[in-house]
Amino acid sequence: PPPMCSWGGMETSETNVGTHEEFCGFEFIREIYLPASVETIGAHAFQSCVNLEYIHLPSRLRSIGTHAFARCHSLKQIEVPKDTMIEYQAFFMSRTNVIRV
């Protein structure tokens, strides 16, 4: 099995984040730095993290799941690697400007 990361008593693999909605609704999160090993952000991963202002996405990121950042009202801009697949409504109701890099 892939190595696991632990945060706040929850575990997630180093290549897949939010596959079980681990961070959904965490209002205290303001900034996230994902490790370079992350390839997938799961559906609803950070949904309703209303105070999330910044997230650093690794260059090897391949997909962002449905509603992954939905209702992240404080997230104004996000730089997404150009080949990353963004699933339907990944940024639903979030007012986020997505920039491909």
PDB file of N, CA and C in Angstrom:
ATOM      1  N   PRO A   1       0.826  -1.208   0.000  1.00  0.00           N
ATOM      2  CA  PRO A   1       0.000   0.000   0.000  1.00  0.00           C
ATOM      3  C   PRO A   1       0.860   1.259   0.000  1.00  0.00           C
ATOM      4  N   PRO A   2       0.336   2.375  -0.515  1.00  0.00           N
ATOM      5  CA  PRO A   2       1.120   3.609  -0.536  1.00  0.00           C
ATOM      6  C   PRO A   2       1.324   4.150   0.872  1.00  0.00           C
ATOM      7  N   PRO A   3       2.387   4.925   1.094  1.00  0.00           N
ATOM      8  CA  PRO A   3       2.604   5.531   2.402  1.00  0.00           C
ATOM      9  C   PRO A   3       1.430   6.444   2.755  1.00  0.00           C
ATOM     10  N   MET A   4       1.193   6.618   4.054  1.00  0.00           N
ATOM     11  CA  MET A   4       0.069   7.433   4.495  1.00  0.00           C
ATOM     12  C   MET A   4       0.558   8.685   5.210  1.00  0.00           C
ATOM     13  N   CYS A   5      -0.226   9.766   5.096  1.00  0.00           N
ATOM     14  CA  CYS A   5       0.001  10.992   5.847  1.00  0.00           C
ATOM     15  C   CYS A   5      -1.107  11.096   6.883  1.00  0.00           C
ATOM     16  N   SER A   6      -0.777  11.600   8.045  1.00  0.00           N
ATOM     17  CA  SER A   6      -1.771  11.755   9.101  1.00  0.00           C
ATOM     18  C   SER A   6      -1.884  13.223   9.468  1.00  0.00           C
ATOM     19  N   TRP A   7      -3.114  13.684   9.672  1.00  0.00           N
ATOM     20  CA  TRP A   7      -3.344  15.066  10.077  1.00  0.00           C
ATOM     21  C   TRP A   7      -4.628  15.124  10.873  1.00  0.00           C
ATOM     22  N   GLY A   8      -4.568  15.638  12.085  1.00  0.00           N
ATOM     23  CA  GLY A   8      -5.761  15.759  12.913  1.00  0.00           C
ATOM     24  C   GLY A   8      -6.462  14.441  13.166  1.00  0.00           C
ATOM     25  N   GLY A   9      -5.695  13.348  13.229  1.00  0.00           N
ATOM     26  CA  GLY A   9      -6.285  12.049  13.479  1.00  0.00           C
ATOM     27  C   GLY A   9      -6.816  11.350  12.247  1.00  0.00           C
ATOM     28  N   MET A  10      -6.674  11.986  11.074  1.00  0.00           N
ATOM     29  CA  MET A  10      -7.149  11.380   9.834  1.00  0.00           C
ATOM     30  C   MET A  10      -5.963  11.006   8.972  1.00  0.00           C
ATOM     31  N   GLU A  11      -6.120   9.971   8.198  1.00  0.00           N
ATOM     32  CA  GLU A  11      -5.044   9.541   7.318  1.00  0.00           C
ATOM     33  C   GLU A  11      -5.467   9.649   5.867  1.00  0.00           C
ATOM     34  N   THR A  12      -4.492   9.955   5.034  1.00  0.00           N
ATOM     35  CA  THR A  12      -4.716  10.020   3.600  1.00  0.00           C
ATOM     36  C   THR A  12      -3.436   9.553   2.920  1.00  0.00           C
ATOM     37  N   SER A  13      -3.538   8.991   1.745  1.00  0.00           N
ATOM     38  CA  SER A  13      -2.327   8.530   1.064  1.00  0.00           C
ATOM     39  C   SER A  13      -1.553   9.725   0.542  1.00  0.00           C
ATOM     40  N   GLU A  14      -0.290   9.521   0.289  1.00  0.00           N
ATOM     41  CA  GLU A  14       0.547  10.613  -0.191  1.00  0.00           C
ATOM     42  C   GLU A  14       0.237  11.003  -1.630  1.00  0.00           C
ATOM     43  N   THR A  15      -0.475  10.157  -2.371  1.00  0.00           N
ATOM     44  CA  THR A  15      -0.788  10.495  -3.762  1.00  0.00           C
ATOM     45  C   THR A  15      -2.227  10.944  -3.951  1.00  0.00           C
ATOM     46  N   ASN A  16      -3.103  10.629  -3.018  1.00  0.00           N
ATOM     47  CA  ASN A  16      -4.519  10.994  -3.122  1.00  0.00           C
ATOM     48  C   ASN A  16      -4.963  11.723  -1.862  1.00  0.00           C
ATOM     49  N   VAL A  17      -5.506  12.913  -2.032  1.00  0.00           N
ATOM     50  CA  VAL A  17      -5.960  13.718  -0.903  1.00  0.00           C
ATOM     51  C   VAL A  17      -7.470  13.864  -0.972  1.00  0.00           C
ATOM     52  N   GLY A  18      -8.120  13.711   0.154  1.00  0.00           N
ATOM     53  CA  GLY A  18      -9.545  13.979   0.235  1.00  0.00           C
ATOM     54  C   GLY A  18     -10.442  12.928  -0.368  1.00  0.00           C
ATOM     55  N   THR A  19      -9.956  11.708  -0.506  1.00  0.00           N
ATOM     56  CA  THR A  19     -10.783  10.661  -1.106  1.00  0.00           C
ATOM     57  C   THR A  19     -11.940  10.257  -0.201  1.00  0.00           C
ATOM     58  N   HIS A  20     -11.883  10.646   1.051  1.00  0.00           N
ATOM     59  CA  HIS A  20     -12.968  10.338   1.983  1.00  0.00           C
ATOM     60  C   HIS A  20     -13.516  11.618   2.618  1.00  0.00           C
ATOM     61  N   GLU A  21     -13.374  12.738   1.898  1.00  0.00           N
ATOM     62  CA  GLU A  21     -13.880  14.040   2.364  1.00  0.00           C
ATOM     63  C   GLU A  21     -13.286  14.428   3.717  1.00  0.00           C
ATOM     64  N   GLU A  22     -12.023  14.061   3.965  1.00  0.00           N
ATOM     65  CA  GLU A  22     -11.385  14.290   5.261  1.00  0.00           C
ATOM     66  C   GLU A  22     -11.400  15.744   5.718  1.00  0.00           C
ATOM     67  N   PHE A  23     -11.325  16.670   4.790  1.00  0.00           N
ATOM     68  CA  PHE A  23     -11.178  18.073   5.153  1.00  0.00           C
ATOM     69  C   PHE A  23     -12.433  18.892   4.880  1.00  0.00           C
ATOM     70  N   CYS A  24     -13.478  18.270   4.433  1.00  0.00           N
ATOM     71  CA  CYS A  24     -14.730  18.937   4.089  1.00  0.00           C
ATOM     72  C   CYS A  24     -15.296  19.673   5.305  1.00  0.00           C
ATOM     73  N   GLY A  25     -15.539  20.977   5.147  1.00  0.00           N
ATOM     74  CA  GLY A  25     -16.164  21.772   6.199  1.00  0.00           C
ATOM     75  C   GLY A  25     -15.246  22.250   7.303  1.00  0.00           C
ATOM     76  N   PHE A  26     -13.942  22.083   7.165  1.00  0.00           N
ATOM     77  CA  PHE A  26     -13.006  22.552   8.190  1.00  0.00           C
ATOM     78  C   PHE A  26     -12.875  24.068   8.069  1.00  0.00           C
ATOM     79  N   GLU A  27     -13.571  24.808   8.884  1.00  0.00           N
ATOM     80  CA  GLU A  27     -13.610  26.264   8.782  1.00  0.00           C
ATOM     81  C   GLU A  27     -12.327  26.942   9.243  1.00  0.00           C
ATOM     82  N   PHE A  28     -11.491  26.255   9.983  1.00  0.00           N
ATOM     83  CA  PHE A  28     -10.269  26.877  10.506  1.00  0.00           C
ATOM     84  C   PHE A  28      -9.092  26.810   9.534  1.00  0.00           C
ATOM     85  N   ILE A  29      -9.210  26.085   8.437  1.00  0.00           N
ATOM     86  CA  ILE A  29      -8.107  25.980   7.476  1.00  0.00           C
ATOM     87  C   ILE A  29      -8.032  27.260   6.649  1.00  0.00           C
ATOM     88  N   ARG A  30      -6.853  27.886   6.626  1.00  0.00           N
ATOM     89  CA  ARG A  30      -6.646  29.104   5.837  1.00  0.00           C
ATOM     90  C   ARG A  30      -5.663  28.886   4.685  1.00  0.00           C
ATOM     91  N   GLU A  31      -4.739  27.958   4.864  1.00  0.00           N
ATOM     92  CA  GLU A  31      -3.679  27.776   3.877  1.00  0.00           C
ATOM     93  C   GLU A  31      -3.289  26.303   3.843  1.00  0.00           C
ATOM     94  N   ILE A  32      -3.058  25.788   2.635  1.00  0.00           N
ATOM     95  CA  ILE A  32      -2.688  24.384   2.478  1.00  0.00           C
ATOM     96  C   ILE A  32      -1.527  24.276   1.501  1.00  0.00           C
ATOM     97  N   TYR A  33      -0.528  23.507   1.873  1.00  0.00           N
ATOM     98  CA  TYR A  33       0.578  23.164   0.985  1.00  0.00           C
ATOM     99  C   TYR A  33       0.544  21.654   0.797  1.00  0.00           C
ATOM    100  N   LEU A  34       0.180  21.218  -0.389  1.00  0.00           N
ATOM    101  CA  LEU A  34       0.152  19.784  -0.670  1.00  0.00           C
ATOM    102  C   LEU A  34       1.542  19.316  -1.076  1.00  0.00           C
ATOM    103  N   PRO A  35       1.967  18.140  -0.615  1.00  0.00           N
ATOM    104  CA  PRO A  35       3.290  17.630  -0.977  1.00  0.00           C
ATOM    105  C   PRO A  35       3.387  17.328  -2.468  1.00  0.00           C
ATOM    106  N   ALA A  36       4.604  17.318  -2.974  1.00  0.00           N
ATOM    107  CA  ALA A  36       4.858  17.087  -4.403  1.00  0.00           C
ATOM    108  C   ALA A  36       4.341  15.742  -4.883  1.00  0.00           C
ATOM    109  N   SER A  37       4.132  14.804  -3.983  1.00  0.00           N
ATOM    110  CA  SER A  37       3.688  13.458  -4.365  1.00  0.00           C
ATOM    111  C   SER A  37       2.200  13.376  -4.719  1.00  0.00           C
ATOM    112  N   VAL A  38       1.411  14.381  -4.368  1.00  0.00           N
ATOM    113  CA  VAL A  38      -0.042  14.328  -4.574  1.00  0.00           C
ATOM    114  C   VAL A  38      -0.393  14.413  -6.059  1.00  0.00           C
ATOM    115  N   GLU A  39      -1.186  13.446  -6.523  1.00  0.00           N
ATOM    116  CA  GLU A  39      -1.635  13.397  -7.916  1.00  0.00           C
ATOM    117  C   GLU A  39      -3.132  13.635  -8.059  1.00  0.00           C
ATOM    118  N   THR A  40      -3.900  13.378  -7.003  1.00  0.00           N
ATOM    119  CA  THR A  40      -5.356  13.464  -7.075  1.00  0.00           C
ATOM    120  C   THR A  40      -5.925  14.160  -5.849  1.00  0.00           C
ATOM    121  N   ILE A  41      -6.850  15.092  -6.093  1.00  0.00           N
ATOM    122  CA  ILE A  41      -7.651  15.677  -5.022  1.00  0.00           C
ATOM    123  C   ILE A  41      -9.055  15.138  -5.226  1.00  0.00           C
ATOM    124  N   GLY A  42      -9.556  14.406  -4.259  1.00  0.00           N
ATOM    125  CA  GLY A  42     -10.833  13.720  -4.392  1.00  0.00           C
ATOM    126  C   GLY A  42     -12.046  14.632  -4.357  1.00  0.00           C
ATOM    127  N   ALA A  43     -13.186  14.081  -4.749  1.00  0.00           N
ATOM    128  CA  ALA A  43     -14.456  14.803  -4.732  1.00  0.00           C
ATOM    129  C   ALA A  43     -14.770  15.280  -3.314  1.00  0.00           C
ATOM    130  N   HIS A  44     -15.190  16.522  -3.201  1.00  0.00           N
ATOM    131  CA  HIS A  44     -15.604  17.140  -1.934  1.00  0.00           C
ATOM    132  C   HIS A  44     -14.460  17.277  -0.929  1.00  0.00           C
ATOM    133  N   ALA A  45     -13.216  17.130  -1.366  1.00  0.00           N
ATOM    134  CA  ALA A  45     -12.070  17.109  -0.450  1.00  0.00           C
ATOM    135  C   ALA A  45     -12.016  18.313   0.483  1.00  0.00           C
ATOM    136  N   PHE A  46     -12.148  19.513  -0.060  1.00  0.00           N
ATOM    137  CA  PHE A  46     -12.057  20.734   0.740  1.00  0.00           C
ATOM    138  C   PHE A  46     -13.344  21.549   0.667  1.00  0.00           C
ATOM    139  N   GLN A  47     -14.419  20.918   0.284  1.00  0.00           N
ATOM    140  CA  GLN A  47     -15.706  21.609   0.154  1.00  0.00           C
ATOM    141  C   GLN A  47     -16.087  22.294   1.463  1.00  0.00           C
ATOM    142  N   SER A  48     -16.573  23.522   1.341  1.00  0.00           N
ATOM    143  CA  SER A  48     -17.050  24.324   2.480  1.00  0.00           C
ATOM    144  C   SER A  48     -15.958  24.676   3.481  1.00  0.00           C
ATOM    145  N   CYS A  49     -14.705  24.697   3.044  1.00  0.00           N
ATOM    146  CA  CYS A  49     -13.632  25.256   3.867  1.00  0.00           C
ATOM    147  C   CYS A  49     -13.683  26.765   3.610  1.00  0.00           C
ATOM    148  N   VAL A  50     -14.638  27.429   4.243  1.00  0.00           N
ATOM    149  CA  VAL A  50     -15.006  28.801   3.893  1.00  0.00           C
ATOM    150  C   VAL A  50     -13.920  29.832   4.167  1.00  0.00           C
ATOM    151  N   ASN A  51     -12.930  29.518   4.979  1.00  0.00           N
ATOM    152  CA  ASN A  51     -11.844  30.452   5.264  1.00  0.00           C
ATOM    153  C   ASN A  51     -10.553  30.116   4.527  1.00  0.00           C
ATOM    154  N   LEU A  52     -10.582  29.095   3.685  1.00  0.00           N
ATOM    155  CA  LEU A  52      -9.399  28.724   2.903  1.00  0.00           C
ATOM    156  C   LEU A  52      -9.078  29.839   1.913  1.00  0.00           C
ATOM    157  N   GLU A  53      -7.888  30.423   2.040  1.00  0.00           N
ATOM    158  CA  GLU A  53      -7.476  31.533   1.183  1.00  0.00           C
ATOM    159  C   GLU A  53      -6.449  31.127   0.137  1.00  0.00           C
ATOM    160  N   TYR A  54      -5.630  30.133   0.452  1.00  0.00           N
ATOM    161  CA  TYR A  54      -4.532  29.773  -0.447  1.00  0.00           C
ATOM    162  C   TYR A  54      -4.294  28.272  -0.397  1.00  0.00           C
ATOM    163  N   ILE A  55      -4.049  27.690  -1.557  1.00  0.00           N
ATOM    164  CA  ILE A  55      -3.625  26.291  -1.626  1.00  0.00           C
ATOM    165  C   ILE A  55      -2.550  26.178  -2.695  1.00  0.00           C
ATOM    166  N   HIS A  56      -1.450  25.537  -2.331  1.00  0.00           N
ATOM    167  CA  HIS A  56      -0.358  25.290  -3.274  1.00  0.00           C
ATOM    168  C   HIS A  56      -0.547  23.892  -3.842  1.00  0.00           C
ATOM    169  N   LEU A  57      -0.720  23.814  -5.157  1.00  0.00           N
ATOM    170  CA  LEU A  57      -0.909  22.525  -5.823  1.00  0.00           C
ATOM    171  C   LEU A  57       0.406  22.057  -6.425  1.00  0.00           C
ATOM    172  N   PRO A  58       0.743  20.791  -6.265  1.00  0.00           N
ATOM    173  CA  PRO A  58       1.991  20.269  -6.831  1.00  0.00           C
ATOM    174  C   PRO A  58       1.914  20.171  -8.350  1.00  0.00           C
ATOM    175  N   SER A  59       3.047  20.247  -9.001  1.00  0.00           N
ATOM    176  CA  SER A  59       3.098  20.221 -10.468  1.00  0.00           C
ATOM    177  C   SER A  59       2.673  18.883 -11.051  1.00  0.00           C
ATOM    178  N   ARG A  60       2.726  17.808 -10.284  1.00  0.00           N
ATOM    179  CA  ARG A  60       2.339  16.490 -10.813  1.00  0.00           C
ATOM    180  C   ARG A  60       0.858  16.184 -10.614  1.00  0.00           C
ATOM    181  N   LEU A  61       0.081  17.153 -10.103  1.00  0.00           N
ATOM    182  CA  LEU A  61      -1.349  16.949  -9.887  1.00  0.00           C
ATOM    183  C   LEU A  61      -2.038  16.612 -11.205  1.00  0.00           C
ATOM    184  N   ARG A  62      -2.833  15.537 -11.217  1.00  0.00           N
ATOM    185  CA  ARG A  62      -3.495  15.066 -12.440  1.00  0.00           C
ATOM    186  C   ARG A  62      -4.992  15.320 -12.455  1.00  0.00           C
ATOM    187  N   SER A  63      -5.640  15.371 -11.274  1.00  0.00           N
ATOM    188  CA  SER A  63      -7.087  15.602 -11.284  1.00  0.00           C
ATOM    189  C   SER A  63      -7.581  16.261 -10.001  1.00  0.00           C
ATOM    190  N   ILE A  64      -8.628  17.074 -10.182  1.00  0.00           N
ATOM    191  CA  ILE A  64      -9.330  17.722  -9.082  1.00  0.00           C
ATOM    192  C   ILE A  64     -10.774  17.259  -9.174  1.00  0.00           C
ATOM    193  N   GLY A  65     -11.262  16.615  -8.138  1.00  0.00           N
ATOM    194  CA  GLY A  65     -12.578  15.992  -8.152  1.00  0.00           C
ATOM    195  C   GLY A  65     -13.751  16.954  -8.068  1.00  0.00           C
ATOM    196  N   THR A  66     -14.924  16.429  -8.365  1.00  0.00           N
ATOM    197  CA  THR A  66     -16.177  17.169  -8.301  1.00  0.00           C
ATOM    198  C   THR A  66     -16.358  17.802  -6.921  1.00  0.00           C
ATOM    199  N   HIS A  67     -16.676  19.085  -6.914  1.00  0.00           N
ATOM    200  CA  HIS A  67     -16.932  19.855  -5.688  1.00  0.00           C
ATOM    201  C   HIS A  67     -15.744  19.880  -4.731  1.00  0.00           C
ATOM    202  N   ALA A  68     -14.541  19.595  -5.220  1.00  0.00           N
ATOM    203  CA  ALA A  68     -13.362  19.568  -4.343  1.00  0.00           C
ATOM    204  C   ALA A  68     -13.174  20.874  -3.579  1.00  0.00           C
ATOM    205  N   PHE A  69     -13.449  22.005  -4.238  1.00  0.00           N
ATOM    206  CA  PHE A  69     -13.309  23.317  -3.605  1.00  0.00           C
ATOM    207  C   PHE A  69     -14.620  24.097  -3.628  1.00  0.00           C
ATOM    208  N   ALA A  70     -15.735  23.403  -3.721  1.00  0.00           N
ATOM    209  CA  ALA A  70     -17.041  24.070  -3.728  1.00  0.00           C
ATOM    210  C   ALA A  70     -17.263  24.813  -2.413  1.00  0.00           C
ATOM    211  N   ARG A  71     -17.827  25.997  -2.528  1.00  0.00           N
ATOM    212  CA  ARG A  71     -18.157  26.843  -1.371  1.00  0.00           C
ATOM    213  C   ARG A  71     -16.930  27.261  -0.559  1.00  0.00           C
ATOM    214  N   CYS A  72     -15.777  27.326  -1.213  1.00  0.00           N
ATOM    215  CA  CYS A  72     -14.578  27.874  -0.568  1.00  0.00           C
ATOM    216  C   CYS A  72     -14.565  29.369  -0.884  1.00  0.00           C
ATOM    217  N   HIS A  73     -15.387  30.129  -0.176  1.00  0.00           N
ATOM    218  CA  HIS A  73     -15.648  31.530  -0.493  1.00  0.00           C
ATOM    219  C   HIS A  73     -14.424  32.431  -0.396  1.00  0.00           C
ATOM    220  N   SER A  74     -13.443  32.092   0.410  1.00  0.00           N
ATOM    221  CA  SER A  74     -12.265  32.941   0.592  1.00  0.00           C
ATOM    222  C   SER A  74     -11.154  32.634  -0.402  1.00  0.00           C
ATOM    223  N   LEU A  75     -11.279  31.546  -1.145  1.00  0.00           N
ATOM    224  CA  LEU A  75     -10.268  31.155  -2.134  1.00  0.00           C
ATOM    225  C   LEU A  75     -10.515  31.950  -3.413  1.00  0.00           C
ATOM    226  N   LYS A  76      -9.715  32.980  -3.640  1.00  0.00           N
ATOM    227  CA  LYS A  76      -9.943  33.889  -4.765  1.00  0.00           C
ATOM    228  C   LYS A  76      -9.229  33.460  -6.041  1.00  0.00           C
ATOM    229  N   GLN A  77      -8.084  32.814  -5.893  1.00  0.00           N
ATOM    230  CA  GLN A  77      -7.298  32.434  -7.064  1.00  0.00           C
ATOM    231  C   GLN A  77      -6.557  31.141  -6.771  1.00  0.00           C
ATOM    232  N   ILE A  78      -6.423  30.315  -7.795  1.00  0.00           N
ATOM    233  CA  ILE A  78      -5.692  29.063  -7.645  1.00  0.00           C
ATOM    234  C   ILE A  78      -4.949  28.788  -8.943  1.00  0.00           C
ATOM    235  N   GLU A  79      -3.697  28.393  -8.828  1.00  0.00           N
ATOM    236  CA  GLU A  79      -2.889  28.057  -9.997  1.00  0.00           C
ATOM    237  C   GLU A  79      -2.894  26.545 -10.162  1.00  0.00           C
ATOM    238  N   VAL A  80      -3.450  26.099 -11.285  1.00  0.00           N
ATOM    239  CA  VAL A  80      -3.612  24.674 -11.560  1.00  0.00           C
ATOM    240  C   VAL A  80      -2.663  24.273 -12.684  1.00  0.00           C
ATOM    241  N   PRO A  81      -1.877  23.204 -12.504  1.00  0.00           N
ATOM    242  CA  PRO A  81      -1.015  22.736 -13.596  1.00  0.00           C
ATOM    243  C   PRO A  81      -1.837  22.514 -14.866  1.00  0.00           C
ATOM    244  N   LYS A  82      -1.276  22.893 -16.012  1.00  0.00           N
ATOM    245  CA  LYS A  82      -2.049  22.947 -17.264  1.00  0.00           C
ATOM    246  C   LYS A  82      -2.654  21.620 -17.705  1.00  0.00           C
ATOM    247  N   ASP A  83      -2.074  20.493 -17.351  1.00  0.00           N
ATOM    248  CA  ASP A  83      -2.604  19.200 -17.787  1.00  0.00           C
ATOM    249  C   ASP A  83      -3.530  18.547 -16.759  1.00  0.00           C
ATOM    250  N   THR A  84      -3.856  19.260 -15.709  1.00  0.00           N
ATOM    251  CA  THR A  84      -4.718  18.716 -14.661  1.00  0.00           C
ATOM    252  C   THR A  84      -6.174  18.700 -15.119  1.00  0.00           C
ATOM    253  N   MET A  85      -6.842  17.562 -14.944  1.00  0.00           N
ATOM    254  CA  MET A  85      -8.260  17.461 -15.268  1.00  0.00           C
ATOM    255  C   MET A  85      -9.061  18.051 -14.104  1.00  0.00           C
ATOM    256  N   ILE A  86      -9.942  18.990 -14.425  1.00  0.00           N
ATOM    257  CA  ILE A  86     -10.810  19.595 -13.422  1.00  0.00           C
ATOM    258  C   ILE A  86     -12.213  19.054 -13.656  1.00  0.00           C
ATOM    259  N   GLU A  87     -12.721  18.286 -12.701  1.00  0.00           N
ATOM    260  CA  GLU A  87     -14.035  17.676 -12.863  1.00  0.00           C
ATOM    261  C   GLU A  87     -15.154  18.699 -12.672  1.00  0.00           C
ATOM    262  N   TYR A  88     -16.330  18.317 -13.110  1.00  0.00           N
ATOM    263  CA  TYR A  88     -17.521  19.154 -13.101  1.00  0.00           C
ATOM    264  C   TYR A  88     -17.762  19.787 -11.728  1.00  0.00           C
ATOM    265  N   GLN A  89     -17.933  21.085 -11.715  1.00  0.00           N
ATOM    266  CA  GLN A  89     -18.245  21.886 -10.532  1.00  0.00           C
ATOM    267  C   GLN A  89     -17.216  21.757  -9.407  1.00  0.00           C
ATOM    268  N   ALA A  90     -15.964  21.557  -9.770  1.00  0.00           N
ATOM    269  CA  ALA A  90     -14.910  21.461  -8.758  1.00  0.00           C
ATOM    270  C   ALA A  90     -14.818  22.727  -7.907  1.00  0.00           C
ATOM    271  N   PHE A  91     -15.148  23.874  -8.505  1.00  0.00           N
ATOM    272  CA  PHE A  91     -15.072  25.155  -7.796  1.00  0.00           C
ATOM    273  C   PHE A  91     -16.448  25.802  -7.652  1.00  0.00           C
ATOM    274  N   PHE A  92     -17.496  25.005  -7.599  1.00  0.00           N
ATOM    275  CA  PHE A  92     -18.880  25.467  -7.533  1.00  0.00           C
ATOM    276  C   PHE A  92     -19.097  26.416  -6.350  1.00  0.00           C
ATOM    277  N   MET A  93     -19.659  27.583  -6.642  1.00  0.00           N
ATOM    278  CA  MET A  93     -19.974  28.603  -5.630  1.00  0.00           C
ATOM    279  C   MET A  93     -18.754  29.028  -4.809  1.00  0.00           C
ATOM    280  N   SER A  94     -17.595  29.110  -5.443  1.00  0.00           N
ATOM    281  CA  SER A  94     -16.400  29.466  -4.677  1.00  0.00           C
ATOM    282  C   SER A  94     -15.782  30.803  -5.061  1.00  0.00           C
ATOM    283  N   ARG A  95     -16.251  31.433  -6.135  1.00  0.00           N
ATOM    284  CA  ARG A  95     -15.705  32.729  -6.589  1.00  0.00           C
ATOM    285  C   ARG A  95     -14.206  32.659  -6.888  1.00  0.00           C
ATOM    286  N   THR A  96     -13.722  31.505  -7.261  1.00  0.00           N
ATOM    287  CA  THR A  96     -12.294  31.297  -7.494  1.00  0.00           C
ATOM    288  C   THR A  96     -11.935  31.527  -8.953  1.00  0.00           C
ATOM    289  N   ASN A  97     -10.857  32.266  -9.181  1.00  0.00           N
ATOM    290  CA  ASN A  97     -10.303  32.465 -10.509  1.00  0.00           C
ATOM    291  C   ASN A  97      -9.253  31.372 -10.727  1.00  0.00           C
ATOM    292  N   VAL A  98      -9.512  30.454 -11.655  1.00  0.00           N
ATOM    293  CA  VAL A  98      -8.595  29.348 -11.927  1.00  0.00           C
ATOM    294  C   VAL A  98      -7.610  29.778 -13.003  1.00  0.00           C
ATOM    295  N   ILE A  99      -6.328  29.656 -12.705  1.00  0.00           N
ATOM    296  CA  ILE A  99      -5.270  30.018 -13.643  1.00  0.00           C
ATOM    297  C   ILE A  99      -4.491  28.762 -13.983  1.00  0.00           C
ATOM    298  N   ARG A 100      -4.355  28.487 -15.282  1.00  0.00           N
ATOM    299  CA  ARG A 100      -3.571  27.326 -15.735  1.00  0.00           C
ATOM    300  C   ARG A 100      -2.113  27.730 -15.869  1.00  0.00           C
ATOM    301  N   VAL A 101      -1.224  26.934 -15.262  1.00  0.00           N
ATOM    302  CA  VAL A 101       0.215  27.225 -15.359  1.00  0.00           C
ATOM    303  C   VAL A 101       0.964  26.030 -15.896  1.00  0.00           C
TER     304      VAL A 101
END
